[in-house]
Every structure is written in structure tokens, then in C-alpha cells.
């Protein structure tokens, strides 16, 4: 036989074999499951001898937790970006539209044509052309030439002035 003969392996019991299989599954699972990585890390930190025996598993757990933290930070940044984007896309234009409609209403009211002039002004002009009122207006002298608003009259006075018996015939001037 050759001097480089392999040493025979120590025979392991079934419990040791299963224990090693469990540790191997931890190696696979800590990269995907943060809760398992946290529990294994706590267990390894509690027993320094176990930590020395499974140092690679300890480092895998640390790396898994670090990646999870980085993933959460990235997701938070993405969430903030999406919130800002949606706010800028939906909320800001809606607020601007609301403000524009509020101010636009005032502008639209100002753009409307002027309201009808006082209906009494054309009626006063019409009445002052009639000879009876023209004669009364001329009796006031220089005040009659100034455009003034006629004093308030009652409906009875207006009706009396319009009645056919008091209307003189019109003559062309």
C-alpha cells in the first residue's frame, strides 16, 4: 500500500450526521430568510465555540442581514420617489386646476359684457324731450343744462305723466 494512504474516516453516528445536515440547510436558508439568519446569528454569538466552528455560517448571516437592510433602504427610496412622482403627476395639477378655476371665475366675471345701464336714464331722456317736461326743465335755468339725475318720483306721478289726457301733441323741433 502506498504511504499516502487515506486515513479512514471516523464513523459518525446518525445524530451527528443529522446535525451536520441541519447546519448545511442553514447555510442555504440564511441567504433567503432574514428571520432564520437573525436566529442563527443570535445562537452563534451566544456560543463562541460554535461561532468558531461555523464561522462561514456566521458571516453568511451577517451578509444576509446587511443585504436585507440595504434592500429596505432601496425600497424606501423607491417608495419616496413614487410618492413624489404621483404627487407631482396627480395632486399638483389638480391643485393648480382648482386655483385656476377659482381665479378664472373672477376673470370670467370681469370678461362678461357690462350689465344693462340704468333703465331710468333712457326714460329720463325720453321724458325730457316731451314739451311739457322740456318747458319745466327750462324753467330751472342753468341747472337744466347740466346732466343730472332726476329726483325720485312715485309711480303715481309717472303714471300721471304718461296718461293720454296730459300728453300734449308733439311738434318737431
N, C-alpha and C. Protein backbone atom coordinates (compact mmCIF):
# COMPACT_ATOMS: atom_id res chain seq x y z
N UNK A 1 0.83 -1.17 0.00
CA UNK A 1 0.00 0.00 0.00
C UNK A 1 0.87 1.23 0.00
N UNK A 2 0.32 2.23 -0.56
CA UNK A 2 1.08 3.47 -0.68
C UNK A 2 1.11 4.19 0.67
N UNK A 3 2.21 4.94 0.87
CA UNK A 3 2.31 5.66 2.13
C UNK A 3 1.30 6.79 2.24
N UNK A 4 0.81 7.16 1.12
CA UNK A 4 -0.18 8.24 1.14
C UNK A 4 -1.58 7.68 1.30
N UNK A 5 -1.65 6.68 1.98
CA UNK A 5 -2.93 6.03 2.19
C UNK A 5 -3.86 6.96 2.96
N UNK A 6 -5.04 7.03 2.52
CA UNK A 6 -6.03 7.89 3.16
C UNK A 6 -6.37 7.36 4.53
N UNK A 7 -6.55 8.32 5.42
CA UNK A 7 -6.95 7.92 6.76
C UNK A 7 -8.40 7.49 6.73
N UNK A 8 -8.68 6.51 7.41
CA UNK A 8 -10.09 6.13 7.44
C UNK A 8 -10.88 7.18 8.24
N UNK A 9 -12.04 7.48 7.72
CA UNK A 9 -12.88 8.48 8.39
C UNK A 9 -13.47 7.88 9.63
N UNK A 10 -13.65 8.79 10.54
CA UNK A 10 -14.30 8.33 11.77
C UNK A 10 -15.77 8.13 11.46
N UNK A 11 -16.25 7.09 11.98
CA UNK A 11 -17.66 6.79 11.72
C UNK A 11 -18.52 7.71 12.56
N UNK A 12 -19.45 8.30 11.91
CA UNK A 12 -20.33 9.21 12.63
C UNK A 12 -21.62 8.51 12.97
N UNK A 13 -22.16 9.00 14.04
CA UNK A 13 -23.46 8.43 14.42
C UNK A 13 -24.56 9.14 13.64
N UNK A 14 -25.73 8.61 13.70
CA UNK A 14 -26.87 9.19 12.98
C UNK A 14 -27.21 10.59 13.46
N UNK A 15 -27.05 10.85 14.75
CA UNK A 15 -27.36 12.18 15.30
C UNK A 15 -26.39 13.22 14.77
N UNK A 16 -25.09 12.85 14.74
CA UNK A 16 -24.10 13.79 14.23
C UNK A 16 -24.34 14.07 12.75
N UNK A 17 -24.71 13.04 12.02
CA UNK A 17 -24.99 13.20 10.59
C UNK A 17 -26.18 14.15 10.38
N UNK A 18 -27.22 13.96 11.13
CA UNK A 18 -28.40 14.83 11.01
C UNK A 18 -28.08 16.26 11.46
N UNK A 19 -27.24 16.38 12.48
CA UNK A 19 -26.84 17.70 12.96
C UNK A 19 -26.09 18.44 11.85
N UNK A 20 -25.21 17.75 11.18
CA UNK A 20 -24.46 18.38 10.10
C UNK A 20 -25.39 18.73 8.93
N UNK A 21 -26.32 17.90 8.64
CA UNK A 21 -27.29 18.22 7.57
C UNK A 21 -28.09 19.47 7.92
N UNK A 22 -28.46 19.60 9.20
CA UNK A 22 -29.20 20.79 9.63
C UNK A 22 -28.36 22.05 9.43
N UNK A 23 -27.06 21.97 9.78
CA UNK A 23 -26.19 23.14 9.59
C UNK A 23 -26.05 23.47 8.11
N UNK A 24 -25.98 22.46 7.28
CA UNK A 24 -25.88 22.69 5.83
C UNK A 24 -27.14 23.39 5.32
N UNK A 25 -28.31 22.97 5.81
CA UNK A 25 -29.55 23.65 5.37
C UNK A 25 -29.58 25.09 5.86
N UNK A 26 -28.98 25.35 7.03
CA UNK A 26 -28.91 26.74 7.49
C UNK A 26 -28.08 27.59 6.54
N UNK A 27 -26.99 27.01 6.01
CA UNK A 27 -26.16 27.73 5.05
C UNK A 27 -27.00 28.17 3.85
N UNK A 28 -27.87 27.29 3.40
CA UNK A 28 -28.69 27.60 2.22
C UNK A 28 -29.80 28.61 2.56
N UNK A 29 -30.41 28.46 3.71
CA UNK A 29 -31.60 29.24 4.04
C UNK A 29 -31.32 30.64 4.56
N UNK A 30 -30.17 30.91 5.17
CA UNK A 30 -29.91 32.23 5.75
C UNK A 30 -29.81 33.32 4.69
N UNK A 31 -29.46 32.95 3.48
CA UNK A 31 -29.38 33.94 2.41
C UNK A 31 -30.74 34.43 1.95
N UNK A 32 -31.78 33.65 2.19
CA UNK A 32 -33.11 34.00 1.70
C UNK A 32 -34.07 34.42 2.81
N UNK A 33 -33.85 33.93 4.00
CA UNK A 33 -34.78 34.19 5.10
C UNK A 33 -34.07 34.96 6.21
N UNK A 34 -34.48 36.20 6.39
CA UNK A 34 -33.83 37.08 7.36
C UNK A 34 -34.11 36.64 8.79
N UNK A 35 -35.29 36.11 9.06
CA UNK A 35 -35.59 35.69 10.43
C UNK A 35 -34.70 34.52 10.85
N UNK A 36 -34.47 33.58 9.94
CA UNK A 36 -33.57 32.46 10.26
C UNK A 36 -32.15 32.98 10.46
N UNK A 37 -31.73 33.91 9.60
CA UNK A 37 -30.38 34.47 9.74
C UNK A 37 -30.23 35.17 11.09
N UNK A 38 -31.27 35.86 11.53
CA UNK A 38 -31.22 36.55 12.82
C UNK A 38 -31.13 35.55 13.96
N UNK A 39 -31.93 34.51 13.89
CA UNK A 39 -31.91 33.49 14.95
C UNK A 39 -30.57 32.75 15.00
N UNK A 40 -30.05 32.36 13.84
CA UNK A 40 -28.77 31.64 13.79
C UNK A 40 -27.66 32.56 14.30
N UNK A 41 -27.70 33.83 13.90
CA UNK A 41 -26.68 34.78 14.34
C UNK A 41 -26.71 34.94 15.86
N UNK A 42 -27.91 35.05 16.42
CA UNK A 42 -28.03 35.16 17.88
C UNK A 42 -27.48 33.92 18.56
N UNK A 43 -27.75 32.75 18.00
CA UNK A 43 -27.26 31.49 18.58
C UNK A 43 -25.74 31.42 18.50
N UNK A 44 -25.18 31.80 17.35
CA UNK A 44 -23.73 31.73 17.18
C UNK A 44 -23.01 32.75 18.06
N UNK A 45 -23.61 33.92 18.22
CA UNK A 45 -22.98 34.92 19.09
C UNK A 45 -23.05 34.52 20.55
N UNK A 46 -24.01 33.71 20.91
CA UNK A 46 -24.14 33.25 22.29
C UNK A 46 -23.12 32.18 22.66
N UNK A 47 -22.62 31.45 21.71
CA UNK A 47 -21.67 30.36 21.99
C UNK A 47 -20.42 30.58 21.14
N UNK A 48 -19.32 31.09 21.74
CA UNK A 48 -18.11 31.39 20.96
C UNK A 48 -17.49 30.16 20.30
N UNK A 49 -17.59 28.99 20.92
CA UNK A 49 -17.02 27.79 20.32
C UNK A 49 -17.79 27.41 19.05
N UNK A 50 -19.12 27.53 19.11
CA UNK A 50 -19.95 27.22 17.94
C UNK A 50 -19.67 28.24 16.84
N UNK A 51 -19.44 29.49 17.23
CA UNK A 51 -19.14 30.54 16.26
C UNK A 51 -17.84 30.23 15.53
N UNK A 52 -16.82 29.74 16.27
CA UNK A 52 -15.56 29.37 15.63
C UNK A 52 -15.75 28.18 14.71
N UNK A 53 -16.59 27.25 15.11
CA UNK A 53 -16.80 26.05 14.30
C UNK A 53 -17.57 26.36 13.02
N UNK A 54 -18.43 27.32 13.07
CA UNK A 54 -19.28 27.66 11.91
C UNK A 54 -19.10 29.14 11.55
N UNK A 55 -17.89 29.55 11.37
CA UNK A 55 -17.58 30.94 11.06
C UNK A 55 -18.17 31.38 9.72
N UNK A 56 -18.15 30.51 8.74
CA UNK A 56 -18.72 30.84 7.41
C UNK A 56 -20.22 31.09 7.53
N UNK A 57 -20.89 30.28 8.33
CA UNK A 57 -22.33 30.48 8.54
C UNK A 57 -22.58 31.82 9.23
N UNK A 58 -21.74 32.14 10.20
CA UNK A 58 -21.86 33.43 10.90
C UNK A 58 -21.71 34.58 9.91
N UNK A 59 -20.72 34.50 9.04
CA UNK A 59 -20.50 35.56 8.05
C UNK A 59 -21.65 35.62 7.04
N UNK A 60 -22.18 34.47 6.66
CA UNK A 60 -23.34 34.45 5.75
C UNK A 60 -24.55 35.14 6.39
N UNK A 61 -24.74 34.90 7.67
CA UNK A 61 -25.86 35.54 8.38
C UNK A 61 -25.68 37.06 8.42
N UNK A 62 -24.46 37.50 8.71
CA UNK A 62 -24.16 38.94 8.74
C UNK A 62 -24.42 39.56 7.36
N UNK A 63 -23.95 38.87 6.32
CA UNK A 63 -24.14 39.38 4.97
C UNK A 63 -25.63 39.42 4.61
N UNK A 64 -26.36 38.41 5.00
CA UNK A 64 -27.79 38.38 4.73
C UNK A 64 -28.51 39.54 5.40
N UNK A 65 -28.17 39.82 6.65
CA UNK A 65 -28.79 40.94 7.36
C UNK A 65 -28.41 42.28 6.73
N UNK A 66 -27.16 42.42 6.30
CA UNK A 66 -26.70 43.65 5.65
C UNK A 66 -27.44 43.86 4.33
N UNK A 67 -27.59 42.79 3.55
CA UNK A 67 -28.32 42.90 2.28
C UNK A 67 -29.79 43.23 2.51
N UNK A 68 -30.37 42.65 3.56
CA UNK A 68 -31.77 42.95 3.88
C UNK A 68 -31.94 44.42 4.24
N UNK A 69 -31.00 44.95 5.01
CA UNK A 69 -31.05 46.36 5.39
C UNK A 69 -30.91 47.26 4.16
N UNK A 70 -29.99 46.90 3.26
CA UNK A 70 -29.80 47.67 2.02
C UNK A 70 -31.05 47.59 1.15
N UNK A 71 -31.67 46.41 1.09
CA UNK A 71 -32.90 46.23 0.31
C UNK A 71 -34.02 47.12 0.86
N UNK A 72 -34.14 47.17 2.19
CA UNK A 72 -35.17 48.01 2.81
C UNK A 72 -34.92 49.48 2.51
N UNK A 73 -33.66 49.92 2.57
CA UNK A 73 -33.33 51.31 2.27
C UNK A 73 -33.66 51.64 0.81
N UNK A 74 -33.33 50.71 -0.10
CA UNK A 74 -33.64 50.93 -1.51
C UNK A 74 -35.16 51.00 -1.73
N UNK A 75 -35.90 50.10 -1.10
CA UNK A 75 -37.36 50.12 -1.23
C UNK A 75 -37.95 51.42 -0.67
N UNK A 76 -37.36 51.91 0.40
CA UNK A 76 -37.83 53.17 0.98
C UNK A 76 -37.60 54.32 0.01
N UNK A 77 -36.41 54.36 -0.62
CA UNK A 77 -36.12 55.41 -1.60
C UNK A 77 -37.06 55.31 -2.81
N UNK A 78 -37.31 54.09 -3.27
CA UNK A 78 -38.23 53.91 -4.40
C UNK A 78 -39.63 54.37 -4.01
N UNK A 79 -40.06 54.02 -2.80
CA UNK A 79 -41.38 54.44 -2.33
C UNK A 79 -41.50 55.95 -2.25
N UNK A 80 -40.46 56.61 -1.76
CA UNK A 80 -40.48 58.07 -1.70
C UNK A 80 -40.55 58.67 -3.10
N UNK A 81 -39.79 58.10 -4.03
CA UNK A 81 -39.82 58.59 -5.40
C UNK A 81 -41.21 58.43 -6.00
N UNK A 82 -41.82 57.27 -5.81
CA UNK A 82 -43.16 57.01 -6.37
C UNK A 82 -44.17 57.98 -5.75
N UNK A 83 -44.08 58.20 -4.43
CA UNK A 83 -45.00 59.15 -3.79
C UNK A 83 -44.83 60.54 -4.36
N UNK A 84 -43.58 61.01 -4.50
CA UNK A 84 -43.33 62.35 -5.06
C UNK A 84 -43.81 62.42 -6.51
N UNK A 85 -43.53 61.38 -7.27
CA UNK A 85 -43.93 61.37 -8.68
C UNK A 85 -45.45 61.44 -8.80
N UNK A 86 -46.15 60.60 -8.03
CA UNK A 86 -47.62 60.60 -8.08
C UNK A 86 -48.18 61.93 -7.57
N UNK A 87 -47.54 62.50 -6.55
CA UNK A 87 -47.98 63.80 -6.04
C UNK A 87 -47.84 64.85 -7.14
N UNK A 88 -46.68 64.82 -7.84
CA UNK A 88 -46.46 65.78 -8.91
C UNK A 88 -47.34 65.51 -10.12
N UNK A 89 -47.68 64.26 -10.35
CA UNK A 89 -48.47 63.91 -11.52
C UNK A 89 -49.96 64.13 -11.32
N UNK A 90 -50.45 63.89 -10.10
CA UNK A 90 -51.89 63.96 -9.88
C UNK A 90 -52.31 65.12 -8.96
N UNK A 91 -51.65 65.28 -7.84
CA UNK A 91 -52.10 66.25 -6.84
C UNK A 91 -51.79 67.68 -7.26
N UNK A 92 -50.55 67.94 -7.70
CA UNK A 92 -50.17 69.30 -8.06
C UNK A 92 -51.02 69.84 -9.22
N UNK A 93 -51.22 69.08 -10.30
CA UNK A 93 -52.09 69.61 -11.36
C UNK A 93 -53.54 69.83 -10.89
N UNK A 94 -54.03 68.95 -10.02
CA UNK A 94 -55.39 69.14 -9.52
C UNK A 94 -55.49 70.41 -8.68
N UNK A 95 -54.48 70.66 -7.85
CA UNK A 95 -54.48 71.88 -7.05
C UNK A 95 -54.35 73.11 -7.95
N UNK A 96 -53.50 73.03 -8.96
CA UNK A 96 -53.34 74.14 -9.89
C UNK A 96 -54.63 74.40 -10.65
N UNK A 97 -55.30 73.34 -11.07
CA UNK A 97 -56.57 73.50 -11.77
C UNK A 97 -57.61 74.12 -10.86
N UNK A 98 -57.64 73.69 -9.62
CA UNK A 98 -58.59 74.26 -8.65
C UNK A 98 -58.30 75.74 -8.46
N UNK A 99 -57.02 76.10 -8.30
CA UNK A 99 -56.65 77.50 -8.14
C UNK A 99 -57.02 78.30 -9.38
N UNK A 100 -56.74 77.72 -10.57
CA UNK A 100 -57.04 78.42 -11.82
C UNK A 100 -58.54 78.62 -11.98
N UNK A 101 -59.32 77.61 -11.62
CA UNK A 101 -60.77 77.77 -11.72
C UNK A 101 -61.28 78.82 -10.75
N UNK A 102 -60.69 78.85 -9.57
CA UNK A 102 -61.11 79.85 -8.58
C UNK A 102 -60.80 81.25 -9.10
N UNK A 103 -59.57 81.45 -9.59
CA UNK A 103 -59.20 82.76 -10.12
C UNK A 103 -59.87 83.00 -11.47
N UNK A 104 -60.02 81.94 -12.24
CA UNK A 104 -60.66 82.07 -13.55
C UNK A 104 -62.11 82.51 -13.44
N UNK A 105 -62.76 82.12 -12.37
CA UNK A 105 -64.15 82.56 -12.17
C UNK A 105 -64.22 84.07 -12.03
N UNK A 106 -63.28 84.63 -11.27
CA UNK A 106 -63.24 86.09 -11.11
C UNK A 106 -62.93 86.76 -12.45
N UNK A 107 -62.00 86.17 -13.21
CA UNK A 107 -61.65 86.74 -14.51
C UNK A 107 -62.83 86.62 -15.46
N UNK A 108 -63.51 85.49 -15.44
CA UNK A 108 -64.66 85.29 -16.34
C UNK A 108 -65.76 86.30 -16.03
N UNK A 109 -65.98 86.57 -14.77
CA UNK A 109 -67.00 87.56 -14.40
C UNK A 109 -66.60 88.93 -14.93
N UNK A 110 -65.32 89.25 -14.87
CA UNK A 110 -64.86 90.54 -15.38
C UNK A 110 -64.94 90.59 -16.91
N UNK A 111 -64.86 89.45 -17.58
CA UNK A 111 -64.93 89.41 -19.04
C UNK A 111 -66.37 89.52 -19.56
N UNK A 112 -67.33 89.31 -18.71
CA UNK A 112 -68.73 89.40 -19.15
C UNK A 112 -69.03 90.81 -19.61
N UNK A 113 -69.95 90.96 -20.56
CA UNK A 113 -70.29 92.31 -21.01
C UNK A 113 -70.91 93.09 -19.85
N UNK A 114 -70.74 94.39 -19.96
CA UNK A 114 -71.26 95.23 -18.88
C UNK A 114 -72.77 95.03 -18.77
N UNK A 115 -73.24 95.16 -17.57
CA UNK A 115 -74.66 94.98 -17.36
C UNK A 115 -75.43 96.14 -18.00
N UNK A 116 -76.69 95.92 -18.20
CA UNK A 116 -77.53 96.92 -18.84
C UNK A 116 -77.49 98.19 -18.00
N UNK A 117 -77.43 99.31 -18.71
CA UNK A 117 -77.36 100.58 -18.00
C UNK A 117 -78.66 100.79 -17.23
N UNK A 118 -78.60 101.72 -16.37
CA UNK A 118 -79.77 102.05 -15.53
C UNK A 118 -80.97 102.32 -16.44
N UNK A 119 -82.05 101.58 -16.26
CA UNK A 119 -83.21 101.76 -17.15
C UNK A 119 -83.86 103.13 -16.99
N UNK A 120 -83.62 103.82 -15.94
CA UNK A 120 -84.25 105.13 -15.73
C UNK A 120 -83.62 106.20 -16.61
N UNK A 121 -82.34 106.06 -16.98
CA UNK A 121 -81.66 107.09 -17.77
C UNK A 121 -82.32 107.25 -19.13
N UNK A 122 -82.56 106.19 -19.92
CA UNK A 122 -83.23 106.41 -21.20
C UNK A 122 -84.65 106.95 -21.01
N UNK A 123 -85.30 106.54 -19.95
CA UNK A 123 -86.66 107.03 -19.70
C UNK A 123 -86.61 108.53 -19.39
N UNK A 124 -85.61 108.98 -18.65
CA UNK A 124 -85.50 110.42 -18.34
C UNK A 124 -85.24 111.19 -19.62
N UNK A 125 -84.36 110.68 -20.49
CA UNK A 125 -84.11 111.36 -21.76
C UNK A 125 -85.37 111.44 -22.60
N UNK A 126 -86.11 110.37 -22.61
CA UNK A 126 -87.34 110.34 -23.39
C UNK A 126 -88.35 111.36 -22.85
N UNK A 127 -88.46 111.41 -21.56
CA UNK A 127 -89.42 112.34 -20.97
C UNK A 127 -88.99 113.79 -21.13
N UNK A 128 -87.68 114.07 -21.08
CA UNK A 128 -87.24 115.46 -21.22
C UNK A 128 -87.42 115.97 -22.64
N UNK A 129 -87.61 115.10 -23.59
CA UNK A 129 -87.87 115.53 -24.97
C UNK A 129 -89.33 115.99 -25.15
N UNK A 130 -90.16 115.52 -24.28
CA UNK A 130 -91.58 115.92 -24.39
C UNK A 130 -91.69 117.39 -24.00
N UNK A 131 -92.56 118.13 -24.69
CA UNK A 131 -92.64 119.58 -24.48
C UNK A 131 -93.00 119.97 -23.04
N UNK A 132 -93.85 119.24 -22.41
CA UNK A 132 -94.27 119.61 -21.06
C UNK A 132 -93.08 119.55 -20.09
N UNK A 133 -92.31 118.47 -20.21
CA UNK A 133 -91.15 118.32 -19.32
C UNK A 133 -90.01 119.23 -19.77
N UNK A 134 -89.87 119.45 -21.07
CA UNK A 134 -88.83 120.35 -21.57
C UNK A 134 -89.07 121.76 -21.05
N UNK A 135 -90.34 122.21 -21.02
CA UNK A 135 -90.67 123.54 -20.53
C UNK A 135 -90.37 123.64 -19.03
N UNK A 136 -90.68 122.56 -18.28
CA UNK A 136 -90.40 122.56 -16.85
C UNK A 136 -88.89 122.55 -16.61
N UNK A 137 -88.14 121.84 -17.43
CA UNK A 137 -86.69 121.79 -17.26
C UNK A 137 -86.06 123.13 -17.59
N UNK A 138 -86.58 123.83 -18.59
CA UNK A 138 -86.02 125.13 -18.95
C UNK A 138 -86.31 126.17 -17.88
N UNK A 139 -87.37 125.98 -17.10
CA UNK A 139 -87.69 126.94 -16.05
C UNK A 139 -86.65 126.90 -14.92
N UNK A 140 -85.88 125.84 -14.86
CA UNK A 140 -84.85 125.75 -13.83
C UNK A 140 -83.61 126.53 -14.21
N UNK A 141 -83.50 126.90 -15.43
CA UNK A 141 -82.39 127.74 -15.87
C UNK A 141 -81.13 126.93 -16.12
N UNK A 142 -79.98 127.46 -15.60
CA UNK A 142 -78.70 126.82 -15.91
C UNK A 142 -78.60 125.40 -15.36
N UNK A 143 -79.36 125.07 -14.36
CA UNK A 143 -79.30 123.70 -13.83
C UNK A 143 -79.79 122.69 -14.85
N UNK A 144 -80.65 123.10 -15.70
CA UNK A 144 -81.25 122.18 -16.66
C UNK A 144 -80.25 121.73 -17.70
N UNK A 145 -79.23 122.53 -17.95
CA UNK A 145 -78.26 122.16 -18.98
C UNK A 145 -77.29 121.10 -18.49
N UNK A 146 -77.11 121.03 -17.16
CA UNK A 146 -76.22 120.01 -16.62
C UNK A 146 -76.95 118.67 -16.62
N UNK A 147 -76.26 117.62 -16.97
CA UNK A 147 -76.92 116.31 -16.90
C UNK A 147 -76.99 115.87 -15.43
N UNK A 148 -78.16 115.91 -14.93
CA UNK A 148 -78.37 115.49 -13.54
C UNK A 148 -79.38 114.38 -13.51
N UNK A 149 -79.37 113.68 -12.43
CA UNK A 149 -80.34 112.62 -12.26
C UNK A 149 -81.61 113.25 -11.72
N UNK A 150 -82.71 112.89 -12.31
CA UNK A 150 -83.99 113.46 -11.89
C UNK A 150 -84.31 113.01 -10.48
N UNK A 151 -85.01 113.83 -9.70
CA UNK A 151 -85.39 113.42 -8.36
C UNK A 151 -86.35 112.24 -8.43
N UNK A 152 -86.32 111.47 -7.39
CA UNK A 152 -87.16 110.28 -7.35
C UNK A 152 -88.62 110.68 -7.42
N UNK A 153 -89.34 109.97 -8.25
CA UNK A 153 -90.77 110.23 -8.37
C UNK A 153 -91.52 108.98 -8.00
N UNK A 154 -92.73 109.14 -7.61
CA UNK A 154 -93.55 107.99 -7.25
C UNK A 154 -94.15 107.40 -8.50
N UNK A 155 -94.64 106.21 -8.38
CA UNK A 155 -95.28 105.56 -9.52
C UNK A 155 -96.52 106.33 -9.96
N UNK A 156 -97.21 106.92 -9.05
CA UNK A 156 -98.42 107.68 -9.40
C UNK A 156 -98.06 108.87 -10.26
N UNK A 157 -96.95 109.56 -9.95
CA UNK A 157 -96.54 110.72 -10.75
C UNK A 157 -96.12 110.28 -12.15
N UNK A 158 -95.43 109.15 -12.24
CA UNK A 158 -95.02 108.66 -13.56
C UNK A 158 -96.25 108.28 -14.38
N UNK A 159 -97.22 107.62 -13.76
CA UNK A 159 -98.43 107.23 -14.46
C UNK A 159 -99.23 108.46 -14.90
N UNK A 160 -99.27 109.48 -14.06
CA UNK A 160 -99.99 110.71 -14.42
C UNK A 160 -99.32 111.39 -15.60
N UNK A 161 -98.00 111.35 -15.65
CA UNK A 161 -97.28 111.97 -16.76
C UNK A 161 -97.49 111.20 -18.04
N UNK A 162 -97.73 109.93 -17.95
CA UNK A 162 -97.91 109.09 -19.14
C UNK A 162 -99.36 109.03 -19.60
N UNK A 163 -100.26 109.47 -18.80
CA UNK A 163 -101.68 109.33 -19.17
C UNK A 163 -101.96 110.15 -20.43
N UNK A 164 -102.88 109.65 -21.30
CA UNK A 164 -103.16 110.30 -22.59
C UNK A 164 -103.76 111.70 -22.43
N UNK A 165 -104.47 111.96 -21.38
CA UNK A 165 -105.08 113.28 -21.27
C UNK A 165 -104.07 114.36 -20.99
N UNK A 166 -102.97 114.03 -20.36
CA UNK A 166 -101.99 115.07 -20.03
C UNK A 166 -100.90 115.17 -21.08
N UNK A 167 -100.88 114.28 -22.09
CA UNK A 167 -99.84 114.31 -23.11
C UNK A 167 -100.19 115.33 -24.15
N UNK A 168 -99.37 116.34 -24.31
CA UNK A 168 -99.60 117.31 -25.40
C UNK A 168 -99.13 116.72 -26.72
N UNK A 169 -99.51 117.31 -27.77
CA UNK A 169 -99.09 116.85 -29.08
C UNK A 169 -97.63 117.22 -29.30
N UNK A 170 -96.96 116.38 -29.97
CA UNK A 170 -95.53 116.61 -30.20
C UNK A 170 -95.32 117.43 -31.45
N UNK A 171 -94.37 118.29 -31.35
CA UNK A 171 -94.01 119.08 -32.52
C UNK A 171 -92.55 118.84 -32.82
N UNK A 172 -92.24 118.83 -34.05
CA UNK A 172 -90.84 118.60 -34.44
C UNK A 172 -90.04 119.83 -34.15
N UNK A 173 -88.93 119.68 -33.58
CA UNK A 173 -88.11 120.84 -33.22
C UNK A 173 -87.13 121.17 -34.29
